[in-house]
Amino acid sequence: MVNLSVNINKIATLRNARGGNFPDPLFFARKIQEMGADGITVHPRPDERHIRYEDVRKLRPIVWTELNVEGNPIPKFLELVKQVKPDQVTLVPDEPGQITSDHGWDTITYKDFLQDVISGLKSSGIRTSIFVDPDIRMVEGAVETGTDRIELYTESYAKAFARGELSAVKPFVEAARRAHELGLEVNAGHDLNLQNIGYFVQNVPHLKEVSIGHALIVEALWFGLENVIGKYQHILKRHE
């Protein structure tokens, strides 16, 4: 079984676009868990353009599955996660103004930095995962950092799958196998969706978790839109 962690950043984006607290990310976090998700993922960024640091603090008491907090390990982020103590912290090498993540860690160049960060998180009892490209050298370098897991960055697979290039899954198969051999657990995420995830999980071994946000929310809009319009029409037609 592969666990599904739902990233609720886009729900917070909708809230922030209008002001106030509608939709409420905490309400949706509860509902998503009740619907069967195995975890909640959030990725607070320094400008708090979607999930805010205070959201993360409020989420901790209501997430009874697993709380995964992603982010670049700047001091403010590390202070937050050590205070909140999520089940997992996923370290991502984001630039401050980056729209979304677009690469994994160079685990060789940043080995010493990652070792220090991960050691501090482990001393707080937090499981760690680091974002990596499906590159055997980066996977092998990840072992040296002391991380518990890696999260394979899947954008290249998703783009290739959309073009019909199924062979794009091969580097992920090899990376996951090598990680397992080295004692690392394997997560995956970025641009996975209902169309491409089946082939991915059928072929990539040893997967523990996938985190999906943007695509899942868009798919919820699509598959749920007819139901919502029907509900409005039902109410309105009663008053003709």
Protein backbone atom coordinates (compact mmCIF):
# COMPACT_ATOMS: atom_id res chain seq x y z
CA MET A 1 0.00 0.00 0.00
CA VAL A 2 1.16 3.53 -0.85
CA ASN A 3 -0.05 6.27 1.47
CA LEU A 4 -1.70 9.41 0.09
CA SER A 5 -0.81 12.71 1.72
CA VAL A 6 -2.94 15.60 0.44
CA ASN A 7 -1.25 18.96 0.08
CA ILE A 8 -3.74 21.69 1.06
CA ASN A 9 -1.70 24.70 -0.09
CA LYS A 10 -4.16 25.48 -2.90
CA ILE A 11 -7.04 25.70 -0.44
CA ALA A 12 -5.07 28.33 1.45
CA THR A 13 -4.34 30.12 -1.85
CA LEU A 14 -8.08 30.47 -2.46
CA ARG A 15 -8.60 31.80 1.05
CA ASN A 16 -5.81 34.34 0.76
CA ALA A 17 -7.03 35.57 -2.62
CA ARG A 18 -10.29 36.77 -1.08
CA GLY A 19 -9.29 37.57 2.50
CA GLY A 20 -11.07 36.24 5.56
CA ASN A 21 -11.01 32.54 6.29
CA PHE A 22 -13.10 30.97 3.56
CA PRO A 23 -12.27 28.32 2.56
CA ASP A 24 -10.81 27.33 5.90
CA PRO A 25 -7.76 25.05 5.42
CA LEU A 26 -8.32 23.50 8.87
CA PHE A 27 -11.89 22.50 7.98
CA PHE A 28 -10.68 20.87 4.79
CA ALA A 29 -7.81 19.14 6.59
CA ARG A 30 -10.36 17.46 8.86
CA LYS A 31 -12.65 16.53 5.99
CA ILE A 32 -9.82 15.19 3.81
CA GLN A 33 -8.77 12.87 6.63
CA GLU A 34 -12.37 11.76 7.19
CA MET A 35 -12.56 10.96 3.46
CA GLY A 36 -9.70 8.50 3.85
CA ALA A 37 -6.46 10.36 3.14
CA ASP A 38 -3.44 9.03 5.01
CA GLY A 39 -1.92 12.42 5.74
CA ILE A 40 -1.90 16.18 5.27
CA THR A 41 0.99 18.03 3.62
CA VAL A 42 1.67 21.77 3.79
CA HIS A 43 4.51 23.82 2.35
CA PRO A 44 4.73 27.22 4.06
CA ARG A 45 6.91 29.68 2.19
CA PRO A 46 8.62 32.76 3.63
CA ASP A 47 6.10 35.16 2.04
CA GLU A 48 3.18 33.04 3.38
CA ARG A 49 1.38 33.39 0.04
CA HIS A 50 -0.70 30.28 0.72
CA ILE A 51 -0.22 28.25 3.92
CA ARG A 52 0.78 30.56 6.75
CA TYR A 53 3.05 29.67 9.61
CA GLU A 54 0.14 30.09 12.00
CA ASP A 55 -1.88 27.61 9.93
CA VAL A 56 0.79 25.00 10.57
CA ARG A 57 0.60 25.59 14.31
CA LYS A 58 -3.18 25.21 14.23
CA LEU A 59 -3.05 22.09 12.06
CA ARG A 60 -0.93 20.07 14.44
CA PRO A 61 -3.71 19.33 16.99
CA ILE A 62 -6.26 18.35 14.33
CA VAL A 63 -4.16 16.09 12.11
CA TRP A 64 -4.63 12.59 13.47
CA THR A 65 -3.12 10.82 10.44
CA GLU A 66 0.31 12.19 9.53
CA LEU A 67 1.39 15.81 9.20
CA ASN A 68 4.12 16.44 6.64
CA VAL A 69 5.61 19.94 6.53
CA GLU A 70 7.73 20.80 3.49
CA GLY A 71 10.07 23.71 3.08
CA ASN A 72 13.48 25.22 2.62
CA PRO A 73 15.32 24.85 5.95
CA ILE A 74 15.83 28.54 6.64
CA PRO A 75 16.01 29.47 10.36
CA LYS A 76 12.35 30.60 10.50
CA PHE A 77 11.17 27.30 9.01
CA LEU A 78 13.31 25.20 11.34
CA GLU A 79 12.07 27.12 14.34
CA LEU A 80 8.49 26.44 13.26
CA VAL A 81 8.83 22.70 12.74
CA LYS A 82 10.77 22.16 15.94
CA GLN A 83 7.96 23.92 17.77
CA VAL A 84 5.13 22.09 15.97
CA LYS A 85 6.83 18.67 15.73
CA PRO A 86 5.10 17.26 12.63
CA ASP A 87 5.40 13.57 11.89
CA GLN A 88 7.64 14.34 8.93
CA VAL A 89 9.62 17.29 7.61
CA THR A 90 10.49 17.26 3.92
CA LEU A 91 13.43 19.50 3.07
CA VAL A 92 13.10 21.26 -0.30
CA PRO A 93 15.74 23.54 -1.91
CA ASP A 94 13.34 26.33 -2.85
CA GLU A 95 14.43 29.84 -3.73
CA PRO A 96 12.53 32.56 -1.79
CA GLY A 97 10.37 33.74 -4.71
CA GLN A 98 9.92 30.40 -6.43
CA ILE A 99 6.38 29.65 -7.62
CA THR A 100 6.79 25.92 -7.07
CA SER A 101 9.57 23.43 -6.47
CA ASP A 102 11.59 22.64 -9.60
CA HIS A 103 14.60 20.55 -8.53
CA GLY A 104 15.94 18.30 -5.85
CA TRP A 105 18.91 18.71 -3.53
CA ASP A 106 22.48 18.29 -4.65
CA THR A 107 23.13 15.95 -1.75
CA ILE A 108 26.87 15.90 -2.43
CA THR A 109 27.47 19.65 -2.49
CA TYR A 110 25.13 20.29 0.45
CA LYS A 111 26.00 17.18 2.46
CA ASP A 112 27.40 19.02 5.50
CA PHE A 113 24.53 21.52 5.56
CA LEU A 114 21.91 18.78 5.32
CA GLN A 115 23.65 16.70 7.97
CA ASP A 116 23.45 19.59 10.43
CA VAL A 117 19.80 20.32 9.68
CA ILE A 118 18.71 16.68 9.80
CA SER A 119 20.61 16.02 13.00
CA GLY A 120 18.74 18.89 14.64
CA LEU A 121 15.37 17.62 13.42
CA LYS A 122 16.10 14.08 14.58
CA SER A 123 17.03 15.36 18.02
CA SER A 124 13.51 16.80 18.13
CA GLY A 125 12.04 13.40 17.23
CA ILE A 126 11.02 14.35 13.69
CA ARG A 127 11.29 11.97 10.73
CA THR A 128 13.07 13.62 7.81
CA SER A 129 12.76 13.33 4.05
CA ILE A 130 14.72 15.23 1.43
CA PHE A 131 13.60 16.17 -2.08
CA VAL A 132 15.87 14.57 -4.72
CA ASP A 133 15.93 14.07 -8.46
CA PRO A 134 15.94 10.46 -9.73
CA ASP A 135 19.72 10.44 -9.91
CA ILE A 136 21.59 7.50 -8.34
CA ARG A 137 24.43 9.79 -7.21
CA MET A 138 21.98 12.05 -5.38
CA VAL A 139 20.29 9.05 -3.77
CA GLU A 140 23.63 7.69 -2.60
CA GLY A 141 24.55 11.14 -1.33
CA ALA A 142 21.29 11.29 0.60
CA VAL A 143 22.39 8.38 2.77
CA GLU A 144 25.34 10.44 3.98
CA THR A 145 23.04 13.20 5.21
CA GLY A 146 21.34 10.93 7.74
CA THR A 147 17.85 11.38 6.31
CA ASP A 148 15.17 8.74 6.90
CA ARG A 149 13.52 9.09 3.52
CA ILE A 150 13.88 10.68 0.12
CA GLU A 151 11.07 12.20 -1.92
CA LEU A 152 11.57 11.61 -5.62
CA TYR A 153 10.80 14.76 -7.63
CA THR A 154 8.43 13.50 -10.31
CA GLU A 155 7.90 16.44 -12.69
CA SER A 156 10.05 14.92 -15.45
CA TYR A 157 8.02 11.71 -15.31
CA ALA A 158 4.72 13.58 -15.42
CA LYS A 159 5.69 15.67 -18.45
CA ALA A 160 7.03 12.66 -20.33
CA PHE A 161 3.98 10.53 -19.47
CA ALA A 162 1.72 13.22 -20.96
CA ARG A 163 3.69 12.82 -24.22
CA GLY A 164 3.26 9.04 -24.10
CA GLU A 165 6.88 8.39 -23.11
CA LEU A 166 6.38 5.61 -20.58
CA SER A 167 10.10 4.87 -20.41
CA ALA A 168 10.45 8.04 -18.31
CA VAL A 169 9.57 5.96 -15.26
CA LYS A 170 12.82 3.97 -15.52
CA PRO A 171 15.09 6.43 -13.60
CA PHE A 172 12.56 6.44 -10.77
CA VAL A 173 12.49 2.64 -10.66
CA GLU A 174 16.28 2.56 -10.41
CA ALA A 175 16.43 5.37 -7.84
CA ALA A 176 13.82 3.71 -5.63
CA ARG A 177 15.59 0.36 -5.78
CA ARG A 178 18.93 1.92 -4.88
CA ALA A 179 17.38 3.88 -2.01
CA HIS A 180 15.83 0.69 -0.64
CA GLU A 181 19.18 -1.11 -0.88
CA LEU A 182 20.75 1.70 1.14
CA GLY A 183 18.07 1.59 3.84
CA LEU A 184 16.17 4.71 2.79
CA GLU A 185 12.38 4.83 2.58
CA VAL A 186 10.90 6.38 -0.57
CA ASN A 187 8.24 9.05 -1.08
CA ALA A 188 7.33 10.76 -4.35
CA GLY A 189 5.60 13.90 -5.48
CA HIS A 190 5.12 16.78 -7.94
CA ASP A 191 2.69 16.82 -10.86
CA LEU A 192 1.33 13.36 -10.12
CA ASN A 193 -2.36 13.09 -11.07
CA LEU A 194 -5.14 10.61 -11.74
CA GLN A 195 -3.85 9.93 -15.24
CA ASN A 196 -0.21 9.20 -14.45
CA ILE A 197 -0.10 7.92 -10.90
CA GLY A 198 -1.32 4.40 -11.64
CA TYR A 199 1.55 3.59 -13.99
CA PHE A 200 4.00 5.16 -11.57
CA VAL A 201 3.00 3.13 -8.52
CA GLN A 202 2.73 -0.06 -10.56
CA ASN A 203 6.34 0.28 -11.66
CA VAL A 204 8.25 2.10 -8.93
CA PRO A 205 9.00 -0.26 -6.03
CA HIS A 206 9.20 0.41 -2.31
CA LEU A 207 7.02 3.55 -2.33
CA LYS A 208 5.78 4.61 1.09
CA GLU A 209 3.92 7.82 0.27
CA VAL A 210 2.89 10.18 -2.49
CA SER A 211 1.93 13.79 -1.80
CA ILE A 212 -0.48 15.43 -4.22
CA GLY A 213 -1.95 18.91 -4.05
CA HIS A 214 -2.46 21.05 -7.14
CA ALA A 215 -3.70 18.26 -9.42
CA LEU A 216 -5.94 16.77 -6.75
CA ILE A 217 -7.66 20.11 -6.08
CA VAL A 218 -8.13 20.76 -9.82
CA GLU A 219 -9.54 17.25 -10.25
CA ALA A 220 -11.88 17.86 -7.32
CA LEU A 221 -13.16 21.00 -9.10
CA TRP A 222 -13.75 19.01 -12.26
CA PHE A 223 -15.35 15.90 -10.83
CA GLY A 224 -17.32 17.81 -8.22
CA LEU A 225 -18.55 20.73 -10.36
CA GLU A 226 -21.60 18.99 -11.77
CA ASN A 227 -22.71 17.93 -8.30
CA VAL A 228 -22.44 21.50 -6.98
CA ILE A 229 -24.28 23.05 -9.95
CA GLY A 230 -27.00 20.44 -9.47
CA LYS A 231 -27.35 21.38 -5.81
CA TYR A 232 -27.74 25.07 -6.73
CA GLN A 233 -30.27 24.25 -9.42
CA HIS A 234 -32.25 22.06 -7.05
CA ILE A 235 -32.51 24.91 -4.52
CA LEU A 236 -33.27 27.56 -7.11
CA LYS A 237 -35.89 25.60 -9.02
CA ARG A 238 -37.83 25.04 -5.80
CA HIS A 239 -38.41 28.78 -5.65
CA GLU A 240 -39.61 29.36 -9.21
